[in-house]
Amino acid sequence: MRLFLLPISTRRSLIYCQRLNQQLSSETTYADKITTRASNTWLRWEKADKGWQKKVTSYGNKLFEKIPHEEWGLKSIPPLNTRWTDEELDGKKQVEVLFPGSVISEDKVKSALQAFAGDERQAFHTKWMWGSILGMPISAPVALIPVLPNIPFFYLLFRAWSHWKARSGSQHVDFLLDNHLLRFTASSKLDLAYQAGGLDLSMKELESNVKRVLKGSLDAVSEANPGKAAETMLLTQSSGRLVSELADVPELEEQLQRAVKQVEKALRAQSELLEEKQDLDNVNKDADSKR
């Protein structure tokens, strides 16, 4: 397998695992087969012109978009098993980690991987895995409704599986770090993709700064965080295709688009909150000056 560590902003990154073709054919598990069958069923429902299948997939896709990109990325990493452990420890497998060296240093890549593999991350997924499992019996009465399947039950089942898969991916990264089985490679192709994305971001940032200057809130973030650089985006949603093409990993495009959308939304909410706080401070200052 091969890992990608792709910064989305100056403080957040996406981790993704590429399963090589020979691995896909020789290491397919029953869980993989079940997942593939469920995915094919979901795609068939999406193609329906109308009916409850179409409605379920429409609402379901909206819920999927809210699942954190960190969870999606960790789910792409295969769980540890005896074969993986033996081959990796015997030196037959050393996992390459590709990253854009012009954007993030190797030390910071290691720090990001440690965060993905940390006890806090694993405890988070364990907590919500059991929370989803405990919620399944509560959804049982929905099965009494004729015709429709028990959607809440299957969603909780999916979330339990998703958290288990993410925790397993985190444990695998932890194993690789502990046993020094990672080979870090700065990719010139990824650098090129980030340079192209930077040009697009420069125009967006210019437009955003003009609007904030007109509102008098350009320095809201820096004032709220003195001595700490404001978090900024490194990719746009349109960058996903270019990164996936240059990396020759088509499935990366969807992962990156989702991650960029989530981080943009988080930064936008943070910026709006800071602007509201500054507006309130200005109102209070005006009120004090009139006394």
Protein backbone atom coordinates (compact mmCIF):
# COMPACT_ATOMS: atom_id res chain seq x y z
CA MET A 1 0.00 0.00 0.00
CA ARG A 2 0.98 3.66 -0.30
CA LEU A 3 -0.03 6.57 1.95
CA PHE A 4 -0.70 10.16 0.94
CA LEU A 5 -0.52 13.02 3.43
CA LEU A 6 -2.14 16.03 1.76
CA PRO A 7 -2.47 19.38 3.59
CA ILE A 8 -5.90 20.94 3.06
CA SER A 9 -5.14 24.07 5.08
CA THR A 10 -2.15 25.28 7.05
CA ARG A 11 -3.40 23.25 10.05
CA ARG A 12 -5.42 20.33 8.66
CA SER A 13 -4.47 17.43 6.41
CA LEU A 14 -6.06 14.49 4.62
CA ILE A 15 -4.61 11.00 4.94
CA TYR A 16 -5.39 8.49 2.22
CA CYS A 17 -4.23 4.95 1.47
CA GLN A 18 -3.83 3.66 -2.07
CA ARG A 19 -4.23 -0.11 -2.28
CA LEU A 20 -2.06 -1.44 -5.07
CA ASN A 21 -3.63 -3.68 -7.72
CA GLN A 22 -1.94 -6.90 -6.62
CA GLN A 23 -2.98 -6.19 -3.04
CA LEU A 24 -6.57 -5.62 -4.06
CA SER A 25 -6.73 -8.99 -5.78
CA SER A 26 -4.85 -11.05 -3.19
CA GLU A 27 -6.01 -9.43 0.07
CA THR A 28 -9.75 -9.04 -0.45
CA THR A 29 -11.56 -10.00 2.75
CA TYR A 30 -15.18 -10.94 3.40
CA ALA A 31 -15.70 -7.45 4.82
CA ASP A 32 -14.38 -5.98 1.56
CA LYS A 33 -16.76 -8.16 -0.46
CA ILE A 34 -19.73 -7.10 1.70
CA THR A 35 -18.71 -3.45 1.36
CA THR A 36 -18.45 -3.78 -2.42
CA ARG A 37 -21.87 -5.40 -2.62
CA ALA A 38 -23.42 -2.67 -0.44
CA SER A 39 -21.78 0.02 -2.59
CA ASN A 40 -23.15 -1.54 -5.78
CA THR A 41 -26.63 -1.68 -4.25
CA TRP A 42 -26.37 1.98 -3.23
CA LEU A 43 -25.30 2.97 -6.76
CA ARG A 44 -28.26 1.05 -8.21
CA TRP A 45 -30.64 2.89 -5.87
CA GLU A 46 -29.11 6.23 -6.87
CA LYS A 47 -29.94 5.53 -10.51
CA ALA A 48 -33.64 5.03 -9.72
CA ASP A 49 -35.87 7.70 -11.27
CA LYS A 50 -38.13 7.91 -8.20
CA GLY A 51 -39.39 5.98 -5.21
CA TRP A 52 -38.11 5.39 -1.70
CA GLN A 53 -34.72 4.14 -2.97
CA LYS A 54 -34.05 7.49 -4.61
CA LYS A 55 -35.12 9.42 -1.49
CA VAL A 56 -32.99 7.23 0.79
CA THR A 57 -29.85 7.76 -1.30
CA SER A 58 -30.54 11.51 -1.59
CA TYR A 59 -30.79 11.96 2.18
CA GLY A 60 -28.04 9.43 2.80
CA ASN A 61 -25.53 11.25 0.60
CA LYS A 62 -26.19 14.45 2.53
CA LEU A 63 -25.43 12.62 5.78
CA PHE A 64 -22.28 11.09 4.28
CA GLU A 65 -21.00 14.56 3.38
CA LYS A 66 -21.10 15.46 7.09
CA ILE A 67 -18.84 12.56 8.10
CA PRO A 68 -15.42 14.12 8.88
CA HIS A 69 -12.82 13.74 6.16
CA GLU A 70 -10.38 12.35 8.77
CA GLU A 71 -12.72 9.39 9.23
CA TRP A 72 -13.03 8.80 5.49
CA GLY A 73 -9.25 8.89 5.10
CA LEU A 74 -8.54 6.47 7.95
CA LYS A 75 -11.17 4.09 6.57
CA SER A 76 -9.10 3.75 3.39
CA ILE A 77 -6.26 2.13 5.40
CA PRO A 78 -6.61 -1.68 5.71
CA PRO A 79 -6.90 -3.16 9.22
CA LEU A 80 -3.88 -4.94 10.65
CA ASN A 81 -3.82 -8.71 10.32
CA THR A 82 -1.23 -11.44 10.89
CA ARG A 83 -0.08 -11.37 7.27
CA TRP A 84 0.41 -7.61 7.23
CA THR A 85 2.21 -7.65 10.57
CA ASP A 86 4.59 -10.48 9.63
CA GLU A 87 5.49 -9.10 6.21
CA GLU A 88 5.98 -5.54 7.45
CA LEU A 89 8.14 -6.60 10.38
CA ASP A 90 10.19 -8.92 8.16
CA GLY A 91 11.02 -5.95 5.97
CA LYS A 92 9.12 -7.23 2.95
CA LYS A 93 6.83 -4.22 3.09
CA GLN A 94 7.90 -0.67 3.77
CA VAL A 95 5.09 1.78 3.25
CA GLU A 96 5.81 4.90 1.22
CA VAL A 97 4.31 8.21 2.37
CA LEU A 98 3.95 10.77 -0.41
CA PHE A 99 3.54 14.47 0.44
CA PRO A 100 4.08 17.89 -1.21
CA GLY A 101 7.49 18.93 0.12
CA SER A 102 7.02 22.56 -0.90
CA VAL A 103 4.02 22.86 1.41
CA ILE A 104 4.81 20.67 4.41
CA SER A 105 8.07 19.39 5.89
CA GLU A 106 8.80 15.76 6.68
CA ASP A 107 8.77 16.51 10.42
CA LYS A 108 5.29 17.99 10.16
CA VAL A 109 4.16 15.00 8.11
CA LYS A 110 5.30 12.73 10.95
CA SER A 111 3.47 14.92 13.48
CA ALA A 112 0.27 14.75 11.41
CA LEU A 113 0.53 10.96 11.19
CA GLN A 114 1.07 10.75 14.94
CA ALA A 115 -2.15 12.74 15.44
CA PHE A 116 -4.04 10.34 13.15
CA ALA A 117 -2.60 7.39 15.09
CA GLY A 118 -2.87 8.86 18.59
CA ASP A 119 -4.79 7.49 21.55
CA GLU A 120 -7.23 10.42 21.41
CA ARG A 121 -8.20 9.62 17.81
CA GLN A 122 -8.65 5.90 18.55
CA ALA A 123 -10.65 6.62 21.71
CA PHE A 124 -12.94 8.94 19.72
CA HIS A 125 -13.80 6.25 17.18
CA THR A 126 -14.18 3.59 19.88
CA LYS A 127 -16.63 5.80 21.79
CA TRP A 128 -18.84 6.49 18.77
CA MET A 129 -18.63 2.91 17.50
CA TRP A 130 -20.16 1.66 20.75
CA GLY A 131 -22.60 4.57 20.78
CA SER A 132 -23.87 3.49 17.36
CA ILE A 133 -24.11 -0.14 18.45
CA LEU A 134 -26.08 0.77 21.57
CA GLY A 135 -28.47 2.82 19.46
CA MET A 136 -29.41 -0.10 17.20
CA PRO A 137 -31.96 -1.72 19.57
CA ILE A 138 -33.70 1.64 19.96
CA SER A 139 -34.33 1.70 16.19
CA ALA A 140 -35.88 -1.79 16.21
CA PRO A 141 -39.56 -0.61 16.29
CA VAL A 142 -39.08 1.05 12.88
CA ALA A 143 -38.90 -2.47 11.40
CA LEU A 144 -42.66 -2.77 12.10
CA ILE A 145 -43.40 -0.22 9.37
CA PRO A 146 -44.45 -2.18 6.26
CA VAL A 147 -42.64 -1.90 2.89
CA LEU A 148 -39.84 0.43 4.06
CA PRO A 149 -36.58 -1.09 5.40
CA ASN A 150 -35.34 -0.10 8.85
CA ILE A 151 -33.25 2.86 7.65
CA PRO A 152 -32.21 4.12 11.14
CA PHE A 153 -30.91 0.65 12.05
CA PHE A 154 -28.88 0.31 8.87
CA TYR A 155 -27.49 3.84 9.26
CA LEU A 156 -26.35 3.08 12.82
CA LEU A 157 -24.88 -0.20 11.57
CA PHE A 158 -22.97 1.73 8.90
CA ARG A 159 -21.71 4.30 11.43
CA ALA A 160 -20.56 1.54 13.80
CA TRP A 161 -18.69 -0.17 10.95
CA SER A 162 -17.29 3.18 9.77
CA HIS A 163 -15.88 4.04 13.21
CA TRP A 164 -14.45 0.53 13.59
CA LYS A 165 -12.77 0.84 10.18
CA ALA A 166 -11.35 4.28 11.02
CA ARG A 167 -10.05 3.04 14.38
CA SER A 168 -8.44 0.06 12.65
CA GLY A 169 -6.77 2.38 10.13
CA SER A 170 -5.49 4.53 12.98
CA GLN A 171 -4.06 1.45 14.71
CA HIS A 172 -2.30 0.41 11.49
CA VAL A 173 -0.64 3.83 11.19
CA ASP A 174 0.37 3.60 14.84
CA PHE A 175 1.97 0.21 14.17
CA LEU A 176 3.90 1.56 11.18
CA LEU A 177 5.18 4.53 13.17
CA ASP A 178 6.20 2.46 16.19
CA ASN A 179 8.17 0.03 14.03
CA HIS A 180 9.74 2.66 11.75
CA LEU A 181 8.21 1.12 8.64
CA LEU A 182 7.42 4.34 6.79
CA ARG A 183 9.46 5.77 3.92
CA PHE A 184 8.82 9.48 3.39
CA THR A 185 8.95 10.85 -0.17
CA ALA A 186 8.45 14.47 -1.20
CA SER A 187 6.59 14.37 -4.52
CA SER A 188 7.37 16.93 -7.24
CA LYS A 189 4.05 16.07 -8.93
CA LEU A 190 2.13 16.96 -5.80
CA ASP A 191 4.16 20.18 -5.53
CA LEU A 192 3.01 21.10 -9.04
CA ALA A 193 -0.63 20.48 -8.10
CA TYR A 194 -0.33 22.67 -5.01
CA GLN A 195 1.32 25.45 -7.00
CA ALA A 196 -1.61 25.43 -9.43
CA GLY A 197 -4.06 25.40 -6.52
CA GLY A 198 -2.19 28.33 -4.96
CA LEU A 199 -2.82 30.52 -7.99
CA ASP A 200 -6.55 29.87 -7.74
CA LEU A 201 -6.49 30.58 -4.00
CA SER A 202 -4.60 33.86 -4.49
CA MET A 203 -7.47 35.28 -6.54
CA LYS A 204 -10.06 34.04 -4.02
CA GLU A 205 -8.08 35.46 -1.11
CA LEU A 206 -7.76 38.82 -2.86
CA GLU A 207 -11.53 39.03 -3.39
CA SER A 208 -12.15 37.98 0.22
CA ASN A 209 -9.69 40.55 1.61
CA VAL A 210 -11.27 43.36 -0.42
CA LYS A 211 -14.67 42.52 1.08
CA ARG A 212 -13.23 42.34 4.58
CA VAL A 213 -11.41 45.66 4.19
CA LEU A 214 -14.69 47.28 3.18
CA LYS A 215 -16.28 45.82 6.32
CA GLY A 216 -13.29 46.82 8.45
CA SER A 217 -12.69 43.25 9.60
CA LEU A 218 -9.50 42.23 7.78
CA ASP A 219 -7.55 41.87 11.01
CA ALA A 220 -10.29 40.12 12.98
CA VAL A 221 -8.55 36.75 12.98
CA SER A 222 -5.10 38.10 13.83
CA GLU A 223 -6.49 40.27 16.62
CA ALA A 224 -8.32 37.31 18.12
CA ASN A 225 -5.17 35.18 17.93
CA PRO A 226 -2.22 37.48 18.66
CA GLY A 227 1.14 35.90 17.82
CA LYS A 228 -0.55 33.04 15.96
CA ALA A 229 -0.83 32.93 12.15
CA ALA A 230 -4.38 32.60 10.83
CA GLU A 231 -5.33 29.26 9.31
CA THR A 232 -5.56 29.49 5.52
CA MET A 233 -6.61 27.11 2.75
CA LEU A 234 -3.99 25.41 0.57
CA LEU A 235 -6.37 23.75 -1.89
CA THR A 236 -9.68 24.55 -3.57
CA GLN A 237 -12.43 22.11 -4.49
CA SER A 238 -11.30 22.28 -8.12
CA SER A 239 -7.78 21.24 -7.06
CA GLY A 240 -8.95 17.71 -6.29
CA ARG A 241 -9.03 16.60 -9.91
CA LEU A 242 -5.54 17.92 -10.67
CA VAL A 243 -4.03 16.30 -7.56
CA SER A 244 -5.72 12.97 -8.32
CA GLU A 245 -4.59 13.06 -11.96
CA LEU A 246 -0.96 13.90 -11.15
CA ALA A 247 -0.90 11.31 -8.37
CA ASP A 248 -2.61 8.81 -10.71
CA VAL A 249 -5.17 7.98 -8.02
CA PRO A 250 -8.67 8.80 -9.42
CA GLU A 251 -10.45 8.07 -6.13
CA LEU A 252 -8.52 10.88 -4.44
CA GLU A 253 -10.63 13.50 -6.22
CA GLU A 254 -13.80 12.78 -4.21
CA GLN A 255 -11.85 12.55 -0.96
CA LEU A 256 -10.16 15.92 -1.54
CA GLN A 257 -13.34 17.68 -2.64
CA ARG A 258 -15.11 16.51 0.50
CA ALA A 259 -12.19 17.53 2.73
CA VAL A 260 -11.83 20.97 1.13
CA LYS A 261 -15.58 21.62 1.43
CA GLN A 262 -15.58 20.69 5.13
CA VAL A 263 -12.50 22.77 5.99
CA GLU A 264 -13.78 25.76 4.01
CA LYS A 265 -17.07 25.57 5.90
CA ALA A 266 -15.26 25.38 9.26
CA LEU A 267 -13.02 28.37 8.45
CA ARG A 268 -15.98 30.36 7.14
CA ALA A 269 -17.90 29.75 10.38
CA GLN A 270 -14.83 30.72 12.40
CA SER A 271 -14.36 33.91 10.40
CA GLU A 272 -18.03 34.89 10.73
CA LEU A 273 -17.90 34.30 14.48
CA LEU A 274 -14.82 36.51 14.82
CA GLU A 275 -16.39 39.24 12.71
CA GLU A 276 -19.54 39.15 14.84
CA LYS A 277 -17.38 39.42 17.95
CA GLN A 278 -15.52 42.40 16.49
CA ASP A 279 -18.79 44.10 15.51
CA LEU A 280 -20.07 43.59 19.06
CA ASP A 281 -16.82 45.02 20.50
CA ASN A 282 -17.15 48.06 18.22
CA VAL A 283 -20.73 48.63 19.37
CA ASN A 284 -19.64 48.41 23.01
CA LYS A 285 -16.79 50.86 22.39
CA ASP A 286 -19.17 53.33 20.73
CA ALA A 287 -21.58 53.01 23.64
CA ASP A 288 -18.79 53.63 26.15
CA SER A 289 -17.53 56.68 24.25
CA LYS A 290 -20.98 58.28 24.34
CA ARG A 291 -21.24 58.02 28.12
